[in-house]
Protein backbone atom coordinates (compact mmCIF):
# COMPACT_ATOMS: atom_id res chain seq x y z
CA MET A 1 -3.33 -10.97 -2.44
CA ASN A 2 -6.23 -8.67 -2.97
CA LYS A 3 -8.08 -7.37 -0.13
CA ASN A 4 -10.86 -9.39 1.57
CA VAL A 5 -14.50 -8.47 1.72
CA LYS A 6 -15.02 -5.10 3.39
CA LEU A 7 -16.65 -5.47 6.62
CA THR A 8 -18.28 -2.13 7.33
CA LEU A 9 -21.36 -1.15 9.02
CA LEU A 10 -22.47 2.45 8.68
CA PHE A 11 -19.03 3.65 9.84
CA THR A 12 -18.55 6.49 7.29
CA PHE A 13 -16.04 8.10 9.34
CA ILE A 14 -13.85 5.00 9.50
CA MET A 15 -14.09 4.60 5.85
CA VAL A 16 -12.97 8.15 5.22
CA LEU A 17 -10.06 8.15 7.62
CA PHE A 18 -8.57 4.93 6.32
CA GLY A 19 -10.14 4.31 2.98
CA PHE A 20 -8.71 7.49 1.36
CA GLN A 21 -5.14 5.82 1.25
CA ALA A 22 -4.95 4.70 -2.32
CA SER A 23 -2.09 4.91 -4.63
CA ALA A 24 -1.27 8.32 -6.17
CA GLN A 25 -2.08 7.04 -9.58
CA THR A 26 -5.73 6.46 -8.39
CA GLN A 27 -6.25 9.48 -6.44
CA LEU A 28 -4.41 12.30 -8.00
CA LYS A 29 -7.20 14.31 -9.71
CA ALA A 30 -6.51 17.57 -7.77
CA GLY A 31 -5.81 19.32 -10.91
CA SER A 32 -9.38 19.77 -11.44
CA LEU A 33 -9.73 22.63 -8.88
CA VAL A 34 -13.10 24.03 -8.26
CA ASP A 35 -11.91 25.94 -6.07
CA GLY A 36 -12.98 27.72 -2.71
CA ILE A 37 -12.41 27.13 1.01
CA ALA A 38 -15.33 25.00 2.28
CA VAL A 39 -14.18 24.53 5.98
CA VAL A 40 -11.35 25.66 8.22
CA VAL A 41 -10.45 23.72 11.34
CA GLY A 42 -7.95 25.38 13.33
CA ASP A 43 -5.15 26.07 10.76
CA GLU A 44 -6.25 23.34 8.53
CA ILE A 45 -8.16 24.09 5.25
CA ILE A 46 -10.53 21.99 3.43
CA LEU A 47 -11.16 23.19 -0.15
CA GLU A 48 -14.15 22.46 -2.26
CA SER A 49 -11.96 20.23 -4.56
CA ASP A 50 -10.83 18.13 -1.50
CA ILE A 51 -14.34 17.16 -0.85
CA GLU A 52 -14.98 16.29 -4.54
CA ASP A 53 -11.88 14.30 -4.73
CA GLN A 54 -12.53 12.38 -1.68
CA ALA A 55 -16.31 11.79 -2.72
CA ASN A 56 -15.12 10.48 -6.11
CA PHE A 57 -12.59 8.03 -4.43
CA ALA A 58 -15.22 6.81 -1.93
CA LYS A 59 -17.64 6.07 -4.84
CA GLN A 60 -15.07 4.01 -6.59
CA GLN A 61 -14.71 2.02 -3.42
CA GLY A 62 -18.50 1.28 -3.58
CA SER A 63 -19.52 3.63 -0.66
CA ASN A 64 -22.74 5.59 -0.70
CA VAL A 65 -21.96 9.24 -0.49
CA ALA A 66 -25.33 10.59 -1.61
CA ASN A 67 -25.88 12.72 1.55
CA LYS A 68 -23.11 15.22 1.02
CA CYS A 69 -23.86 16.72 4.43
CA GLU A 70 -22.97 13.56 6.24
CA PHE A 71 -19.77 13.07 3.94
CA VAL A 72 -18.67 16.69 4.57
CA GLU A 73 -19.06 16.03 8.28
CA SER A 74 -16.76 12.91 8.14
CA ILE A 75 -14.15 14.92 6.51
CA ILE A 76 -14.30 17.75 9.18
CA ASN A 77 -13.90 14.99 11.81
CA ASN A 78 -10.73 13.87 9.99
CA LYS A 79 -9.38 17.33 9.81
CA LEU A 80 -9.82 17.95 13.52
CA LEU A 81 -7.77 14.75 14.09
CA ILE A 82 -5.19 16.01 11.68
CA TYR A 83 -5.04 19.44 13.33
CA GLU A 84 -4.70 18.00 16.88
CA ALA A 85 -2.00 15.28 15.77
CA LYS A 86 0.22 18.22 14.57
CA ARG A 87 0.04 19.75 18.02
CA ASP A 88 0.49 16.33 19.85
CA THR A 89 4.26 16.11 20.98
CA LEU A 90 3.88 12.50 21.35
CA ILE A 91 3.26 12.10 17.54
CA GLU A 92 6.43 12.13 15.51
CA ASN A 93 6.80 14.96 13.10
CA ARG A 94 7.51 13.04 9.70
CA SER A 95 7.27 15.93 7.37
CA VAL A 96 10.74 15.15 5.84
CA ALA A 97 10.21 11.45 5.36
CA ILE A 98 6.64 12.10 4.01
CA LYS A 99 8.08 14.67 1.59
CA GLU A 100 10.78 12.07 0.54
CA THR A 101 8.17 9.50 0.03
CA ALA A 102 6.14 11.77 -2.20
CA ASN A 103 9.04 12.44 -4.39
CA GLN A 104 9.69 8.67 -4.75
CA LYS A 105 5.88 8.10 -5.67
CA TYR A 106 6.07 10.96 -8.17
CA ALA A 107 9.22 9.32 -9.73
CA GLN A 108 7.42 5.92 -9.68
CA ILE A 109 4.41 7.42 -11.55
CA LEU A 110 6.70 9.22 -13.86
CA GLY A 111 8.29 6.03 -14.88
CA GLN A 112 5.11 4.84 -16.40
CA PHE A 113 5.04 7.68 -19.03
CA PRO A 114 7.22 8.59 -21.89
CA ASP A 115 7.89 12.09 -20.42
CA GLU A 116 6.85 14.36 -17.59
CA ARG A 117 4.68 16.49 -19.79
CA GLU A 118 2.32 13.46 -20.71
CA MET A 119 2.27 12.59 -17.01
CA LEU A 120 1.13 16.01 -15.95
CA LYS A 121 -1.38 16.28 -18.76
CA THR A 122 -2.85 12.93 -17.84
CA TYR A 123 -3.21 14.02 -14.14
CA LYS A 124 -4.32 17.43 -14.91
CA PHE A 125 -1.61 19.15 -13.04
CA ARG A 126 0.12 22.17 -14.33
CA THR A 127 3.64 21.56 -12.77
CA SER A 128 5.67 18.89 -11.15
CA TYR A 129 5.73 21.09 -8.01
CA GLU A 130 1.85 21.10 -7.90
CA MET A 131 1.76 17.25 -8.28
CA LYS A 132 4.48 16.48 -5.81
CA ASN A 133 2.49 18.73 -3.28
CA ALA A 134 -0.85 16.96 -3.83
CA ILE A 135 0.85 13.66 -3.17
CA GLU A 136 2.47 14.94 -0.17
CA LYS A 137 -0.65 16.44 1.09
CA ILE A 138 -2.49 13.15 0.78
CA ASP A 139 0.08 11.11 2.69
CA SER A 140 0.55 13.88 5.38
CA ASP A 141 -3.10 13.85 6.08
CA ASN A 142 -3.20 10.03 6.25
CA TYR A 143 -0.29 9.84 8.46
CA TYR A 144 -1.43 12.40 11.07
CA GLY A 145 -5.07 11.28 11.04
CA GLN A 146 -4.17 7.66 11.52
CA MET A 147 -1.70 8.40 14.36
CA LYS A 148 -4.22 10.62 16.28
CA TYR A 149 -7.05 8.17 15.76
CA GLY A 150 -4.75 5.33 17.02
CA ARG A 151 -3.72 7.64 20.00
CA ILE A 152 -7.39 8.16 21.05
CA THR A 153 -8.42 4.51 20.65
CA ASP A 154 -5.19 2.46 21.63
CA LYS A 155 -6.86 1.23 24.80
CA ALA A 156 -10.17 0.18 23.09
CA ASP A 157 -11.17 -3.54 23.56
CA VAL A 158 -14.33 -5.43 23.65
CA THR A 159 -15.49 -8.15 25.78
CA PRO A 160 -17.25 -11.40 24.48
CA ASN A 161 -20.59 -10.11 26.04
CA GLU A 162 -20.20 -6.88 24.07
CA VAL A 163 -19.38 -8.71 20.86
CA THR A 164 -22.71 -10.85 21.45
CA ASP A 165 -24.57 -7.77 22.20
CA PHE A 166 -23.28 -5.99 19.07
CA PHE A 167 -24.30 -9.06 17.00
CA THR A 168 -27.76 -9.05 18.44
CA GLU A 169 -28.35 -5.51 17.87
CA PHE A 170 -27.08 -5.38 14.30
CA LYS A 171 -27.59 -8.89 13.14
CA THR A 172 -30.16 -8.05 10.23
CA GLN A 173 -27.86 -5.36 8.98
CA LEU A 174 -24.55 -7.46 8.79
CA PRO A 175 -23.35 -8.04 5.21
CA GLU A 176 -23.32 -11.23 3.37
CA VAL A 177 -19.92 -12.76 2.87
CA LYS A 178 -19.45 -13.99 -0.66
CA ASP A 179 -17.77 -17.47 -1.67
CA GLU A 180 -14.34 -17.48 0.01
CA VAL A 181 -11.22 -19.67 0.26
CA SER A 182 -8.35 -20.25 2.50
CA LEU A 183 -5.00 -20.91 0.65
CA SER A 184 -1.36 -21.85 1.57
CA GLN A 185 1.38 -21.39 -1.03
CA ILE A 186 4.98 -22.30 -1.74
CA SER A 187 6.53 -19.83 -4.05
CA MET A 188 10.07 -20.18 -5.35
CA PHE A 189 11.98 -17.62 -7.50
CA PRO A 190 13.76 -19.61 -10.55
CA LYS A 191 17.43 -19.19 -9.93
CA LEU A 192 19.82 -17.81 -12.68
CA THR A 193 22.51 -19.98 -13.99
CA ASP A 194 26.10 -18.79 -13.48
CA ALA A 195 26.43 -18.07 -17.17
CA HIS A 196 23.25 -15.87 -17.29
CA LYS A 197 24.46 -13.87 -14.19
CA ASP A 198 27.82 -13.41 -15.98
CA GLU A 199 26.04 -12.19 -19.09
CA ILE A 200 24.20 -9.48 -17.06
CA ILE A 201 27.34 -8.44 -15.09
CA ALA A 202 29.26 -8.24 -18.33
CA LYS A 203 26.56 -5.94 -19.90
CA LEU A 204 26.96 -3.69 -16.82
CA ASN A 205 30.54 -3.66 -16.88
CA LYS A 206 30.34 -2.62 -20.46
CA ILE A 207 27.97 0.21 -19.71
CA LYS A 208 30.48 1.38 -16.94
CA LYS A 209 33.22 1.30 -19.43
CA ASP A 210 31.36 3.41 -21.77
CA ILE A 211 30.61 5.99 -18.86
CA LEU A 212 34.45 6.15 -17.85
CA ALA A 213 35.20 6.79 -21.65
CA GLY A 214 32.70 9.78 -21.79
CA GLU A 215 29.01 8.74 -21.94
CA SER A 216 27.00 10.29 -19.14
CA PHE A 217 25.59 8.07 -16.33
CA GLU A 218 22.29 9.78 -16.91
CA SER A 219 21.91 9.07 -20.57
CA GLN A 220 22.92 5.47 -20.05
CA ALA A 221 20.36 4.96 -17.34
CA ARG A 222 17.68 6.39 -19.62
CA ILE A 223 18.70 3.92 -22.31
CA TYR A 224 19.50 0.70 -20.19
CA SER A 225 17.91 0.95 -16.74
CA GLU A 226 14.97 -1.32 -16.21
CA ASP A 227 13.95 0.69 -13.02
CA PRO A 228 10.51 2.15 -13.82
CA GLY A 229 10.84 4.63 -10.89
CA SER A 230 14.20 6.26 -11.88
CA ALA A 231 14.97 5.46 -15.48
CA ALA A 232 13.23 8.51 -16.99
CA LYS A 233 15.00 10.68 -14.47
CA GLY A 234 18.36 9.42 -15.53
CA GLY A 235 18.65 6.79 -12.77
CA LEU A 236 18.37 9.48 -10.00
CA TYR A 237 16.88 9.20 -6.53
CA THR A 238 17.16 12.05 -4.28
CA GLY A 239 16.88 12.57 -0.29
CA ILE A 240 17.46 8.81 0.29
CA SER A 241 17.34 8.22 4.13
CA LYS A 242 19.60 5.64 5.53
CA GLY A 243 17.83 2.29 5.77
CA LYS A 244 15.49 3.14 2.79
CA MET A 245 17.08 0.93 0.12
CA VAL A 246 17.91 -2.70 0.30
CA LYS A 247 21.20 -3.42 2.27
CA SER A 248 23.39 -4.32 -0.64
CA PHE A 249 22.47 -1.02 -2.50
CA GLU A 250 22.96 1.04 0.35
CA ALA A 251 26.24 -0.51 1.45
CA ALA A 252 27.84 0.03 -2.08
CA ALA A 253 26.30 3.55 -2.58
CA LEU A 254 27.76 4.73 0.93
CA ASN A 255 31.11 3.19 0.38
CA LEU A 256 31.71 5.38 -2.72
CA GLN A 257 33.14 8.84 -3.02
CA GLU A 258 30.81 11.45 -4.63
CA GLY A 259 30.76 10.93 -8.32
CA GLU A 260 32.30 7.37 -8.08
CA ILE A 261 30.69 4.61 -9.78
CA SER A 262 30.37 1.02 -8.22
CA ASP A 263 31.05 -2.33 -9.76
CA PRO A 264 27.81 -4.40 -10.49
CA VAL A 265 25.92 -4.99 -7.29
CA GLU A 266 23.45 -7.87 -6.82
CA SER A 267 20.23 -7.19 -4.92
CA ASP A 268 16.63 -8.87 -4.79
CA PHE A 269 15.71 -6.69 -7.81
CA GLY A 270 18.70 -7.61 -9.97
CA TYR A 271 22.05 -6.10 -10.71
CA HIS A 272 22.91 -2.42 -10.34
CA LEU A 273 25.47 0.06 -11.39
CA ILE A 274 25.35 2.81 -8.71
CA GLN A 275 26.78 6.21 -8.78
CA LEU A 276 26.92 8.38 -5.36
CA VAL A 277 25.86 11.91 -6.46
CA LYS A 278 25.86 13.71 -3.06
CA LYS A 279 26.08 12.76 0.62
CA SER A 280 24.64 14.98 3.26
CA GLY A 281 24.36 13.74 6.92
CA LYS A 282 21.70 10.93 6.97
CA GLN A 283 20.58 11.21 3.53
CA TYR A 284 22.11 10.90 0.12
CA ASP A 285 21.50 11.22 -3.53
CA ALA A 286 22.40 8.32 -5.92
CA ARG A 287 21.90 7.25 -9.60
CA HIS A 288 21.71 3.72 -10.56
CA ILE A 289 21.16 1.50 -13.57
CA LEU A 290 19.24 -1.76 -12.83
CA LEU A 291 19.27 -4.80 -14.99
CA LYS A 292 16.62 -7.04 -13.66
CA ALA A 293 17.49 -10.67 -13.08
CA GLU A 294 14.94 -12.06 -15.46
CA PRO A 295 14.93 -15.87 -15.60
CA ASN A 296 14.82 -17.46 -18.92
CA ALA A 297 12.58 -20.28 -20.08
CA GLU A 298 15.23 -22.80 -19.32
CA GLU A 299 15.58 -21.56 -15.69
CA ILE A 300 11.85 -21.40 -15.19
CA ALA A 301 11.45 -24.92 -16.22
CA SER A 302 14.23 -26.03 -13.89
CA ALA A 303 12.46 -24.37 -11.02
CA LYS A 304 9.13 -25.99 -11.95
CA LYS A 305 10.93 -29.29 -11.74
CA GLU A 306 12.37 -28.79 -8.48
CA LEU A 307 9.02 -27.58 -6.90
CA ASP A 308 7.23 -30.53 -8.63
CA SER A 309 9.42 -32.90 -6.69
CA ILE A 310 8.60 -31.12 -3.42
CA ARG A 311 4.89 -31.39 -4.47
CA THR A 312 5.52 -35.14 -4.67
CA LEU A 313 6.93 -35.43 -1.20
CA ILE A 314 3.88 -33.68 0.20
CA MET A 315 1.48 -35.88 -1.90
CA ASP A 316 3.27 -39.03 -0.76
CA GLY A 317 2.93 -37.93 3.08
CA ASN A 318 6.81 -37.60 3.35
CA MET A 319 6.57 -33.80 4.18
CA THR A 320 3.71 -31.58 5.20
CA PHE A 321 2.82 -28.55 3.23
CA LYS A 322 3.71 -26.24 6.21
CA GLU A 323 7.21 -27.99 6.56
CA ALA A 324 7.80 -27.61 2.70
CA ALA A 325 6.77 -23.71 2.98
CA PHE A 326 9.23 -23.21 5.55
CA ARG A 327 12.09 -24.86 4.14
CA PHE A 328 11.51 -24.05 0.39
CA SER A 329 9.37 -21.04 -0.21
CA ASP A 330 11.06 -17.78 -1.31
CA ASP A 331 8.06 -15.57 -0.10
CA LYS A 332 9.07 -13.98 3.17
CA GLN A 333 5.60 -13.03 3.96
CA THR A 334 4.07 -16.54 4.14
CA LYS A 335 6.93 -19.11 4.69
CA PHE A 336 7.17 -18.57 8.33
CA ASN A 337 3.40 -18.75 8.76
CA ALA A 338 2.84 -22.29 7.12
CA GLY A 339 2.50 -20.68 3.81
CA ILE A 340 -1.02 -19.24 4.58
CA LEU A 341 -2.12 -16.26 2.38
CA THR A 342 -3.82 -13.37 4.11
CA SER A 343 -6.06 -10.49 2.86
CA GLN A 344 -5.33 -6.83 3.54
CA ASP A 345 -7.30 -6.88 6.76
CA GLY A 346 -5.17 -9.90 8.17
CA SER A 347 -7.85 -12.66 7.57
CA ASP A 348 -6.97 -15.98 6.04
CA LYS A 349 -10.39 -16.02 4.22
CA ILE A 350 -10.11 -14.56 0.80
CA GLU A 351 -13.04 -13.75 -1.41
CA LYS A 352 -12.86 -15.76 -4.57
CA LEU A 353 -13.87 -12.54 -6.66
CA ASP A 354 -10.70 -10.99 -5.13
CA LEU A 355 -8.26 -13.47 -6.19
CA PRO A 356 -5.82 -12.60 -9.12
CA PRO A 357 -6.89 -14.42 -12.27
CA THR A 358 -3.83 -16.76 -12.40
CA ILE A 359 -4.70 -18.13 -8.95
CA GLY A 360 -8.49 -18.17 -9.41
CA TYR A 361 -7.98 -20.19 -12.69
CA GLN A 362 -5.57 -22.55 -10.76
CA ILE A 363 -7.91 -23.62 -7.82
CA ALA A 364 -11.03 -23.66 -10.16
CA GLY A 365 -13.03 -27.00 -9.44
CA LEU A 366 -10.67 -28.05 -6.37
CA ASN A 367 -11.99 -28.87 -3.01
CA LYS A 368 -10.68 -28.53 0.39
CA GLY A 369 -7.39 -30.20 0.77
CA ASP A 370 -6.47 -30.38 -2.87
CA ILE A 371 -3.11 -29.11 -4.00
CA THR A 372 -2.67 -27.48 -7.45
CA GLU A 373 -0.20 -28.33 -9.97
CA VAL A 374 2.99 -26.15 -10.09
CA PHE A 375 2.30 -23.20 -12.17
CA GLN A 376 4.13 -20.03 -13.14
CA ASP A 377 3.12 -16.65 -11.40
CA VAL A 378 4.38 -13.10 -10.74
CA ALA A 379 5.23 -11.96 -7.15
CA GLN A 380 5.72 -8.48 -5.85
CA GLN A 381 8.25 -6.37 -7.89
CA ASP A 382 6.91 -8.27 -10.86
CA ARG A 383 9.44 -11.04 -10.14
CA LYS A 384 8.65 -14.37 -11.97
CA THR A 385 7.88 -17.21 -9.65
CA VAL A 386 6.75 -20.88 -9.57
CA THR A 387 3.96 -21.62 -7.29
CA LEU A 388 2.32 -24.42 -5.54
CA LEU A 389 -1.34 -23.88 -3.78
CA LYS A 390 -3.07 -25.93 -1.10
CA ILE A 391 -6.71 -25.19 -0.73
CA ASP A 392 -7.05 -25.18 3.09
CA ASP A 393 -10.80 -24.26 3.22
CA VAL A 394 -13.81 -23.39 0.94
CA ILE A 395 -16.52 -21.17 2.43
CA ALA A 396 -19.66 -20.75 0.75
CA ALA A 397 -21.54 -17.37 0.64
CA HIS A 398 -23.43 -16.72 3.79
CA GLN A 399 -24.79 -14.03 6.19
CA LEU A 400 -22.17 -13.11 8.84
CA ASP A 401 -22.84 -15.33 12.07
CA ILE A 402 -21.36 -15.08 15.32
CA ALA A 403 -20.76 -19.08 15.34
CA THR A 404 -18.62 -18.89 12.12
CA ASP A 405 -17.23 -15.40 11.92
CA TYR A 406 -16.66 -14.38 15.63
CA ASN A 407 -13.55 -12.74 14.83
CA ARG A 408 -15.01 -10.51 11.92
CA ILE A 409 -17.98 -9.43 14.16
CA LYS A 410 -15.64 -8.70 17.12
CA GLN A 411 -13.61 -6.37 14.71
CA MET A 412 -16.69 -4.59 13.92
CA ALA A 413 -17.91 -4.15 17.33
CA LEU A 414 -14.26 -2.98 18.16
CA ASN A 415 -14.49 -0.32 15.26
CA LYS A 416 -18.01 0.87 16.67
CA LYS A 417 -16.42 1.36 20.21
CA LYS A 418 -13.51 3.17 18.78
CA ASN A 419 -15.83 5.38 16.68
CA GLU A 420 -17.69 6.33 19.92
CA MET A 421 -14.41 7.07 21.71
CA VAL A 422 -13.46 9.49 18.68
CA GLU A 423 -16.99 11.10 18.71
CA LYS A 424 -16.58 11.81 22.48
CA TRP A 425 -13.06 13.12 22.10
CA VAL A 426 -14.38 15.45 19.21
CA LYS A 427 -17.07 16.92 21.55
CA GLU A 428 -14.50 17.47 24.29
CA LYS A 429 -12.16 19.34 21.91
CA LEU A 430 -14.62 21.48 20.02
CA PRO A 431 -14.89 24.44 22.43
CA ASN A 432 -11.26 25.14 21.97
CA VAL A 433 -10.90 24.82 18.19
CA PHE A 434 -11.68 27.46 15.69
CA ILE A 435 -14.10 25.97 12.99
CA SER A 436 -15.51 27.98 10.21
CA ILE A 437 -17.92 26.35 7.69
CA ASN A 438 -18.88 28.09 4.38
CA ASP A 439 -22.47 29.20 4.07
CA ARG A 440 -23.20 26.83 1.30
CA TYR A 441 -23.38 24.22 3.95
CA LYS A 442 -25.70 26.23 6.23
CA ASP A 443 -28.61 23.93 5.37
CA CYS A 444 -26.89 20.87 6.62
CA THR A 445 -27.91 19.18 9.78
CA PHE A 446 -24.71 17.80 11.38
CA LYS A 447 -24.64 15.37 14.11
CA THR A 448 -22.19 17.60 15.90
CA ASP A 449 -22.85 21.35 16.16
CA TRP A 450 -19.59 22.45 14.67
CA ARG A 451 -20.65 26.09 14.50
CA LYS A 452 -20.73 26.32 18.38
CA THR A 453 -16.92 26.77 18.68
CA VAL A 454 -14.48 29.37 19.32
CA GLU A 455 -15.69 31.04 16.00
CA ASP A 456 -18.58 32.32 17.96
CA LYS A 457 -16.39 33.55 21.10
């Protein structure tokens, strides 16, 4: 589900710290380098292009960044967190894992283009090395900034009186919540018939036979694999850490000798042929050819019929929606939570405008307590599902109020307290951190006097 309404209240620093964590597809514009050093914090460098990229992203998220001085100061705050995080021995160094993730993201993006040259041109990077470095830098900054922020604020809490005081002080500035709904769902993956499974397995066995007869695994993966993240690379994934892939894939891969090819392996994604390329310590390289287990029209119709019979049990009062979700839903994220859908901030209230079009269409005109007809949907990893929704609540647009939105206002009050804790921490750290700001920002009036640091000593 898409994210719920953004509940921010003049906390630009919070937005910059956590907001600048979008997909590489959205962010990677670093090829348009300006470029010069804007700020140095310890041994962390902020380029002019970094500031421009983050400002562009913030604008896309609906944030006001008209005051560049305030925006730059928020970035300096974040860089100080990153600098101190890398020196904090209690924060795990995840450089290797971050690099691996960057390579995987790069491969996923590449899978959306006919070739690497077209992708680099689109994202305005000169080389694959440059683009991978940009992804890695974004992920690294996000990780270290968030970890240090968490370390500083891990004991933060607010009392009911503090929530009330916050509401009283900022009541007139609190945002209006748009029309929302609370929903529960039961989602089922249509089951493939044995004949359909045999057909997919037979196709993979034929591909394996061709490889053993002389065709290269790489070329066959480019032709047949339905994995967008690796097909263009001949099915190759490098530097895979143990525990990263689904269990059936990893078990099959690690039981192979280097160069050996597995029999067809089933996973949640479909069926794989796997070739172990190299194994070194806790990491390995492997190629695979994926054929997705896409249900056909007959299998989808059968699943709809099964879920419709479950709907009848619920409508007749023979089973609650919660019980049915637990017993029958294939959606692991909701089946153990009464089927309740949540937004990215964990709330069970979801803005109607943020609903996927299919769901928005299905609930149009329905009221609290109503249950939709069974409909076809698409879940994560683009798997086809059949779904049933229950409208648990309908909330009309309204100004945030402590009587109806206590948890949201509490979170805002907590964010404010955390922000104040970080500001205090920054002031304590400043005297011992070298900070240099380019003269182009000499006319900025910052909340914190960044220039009075060890730069002047």
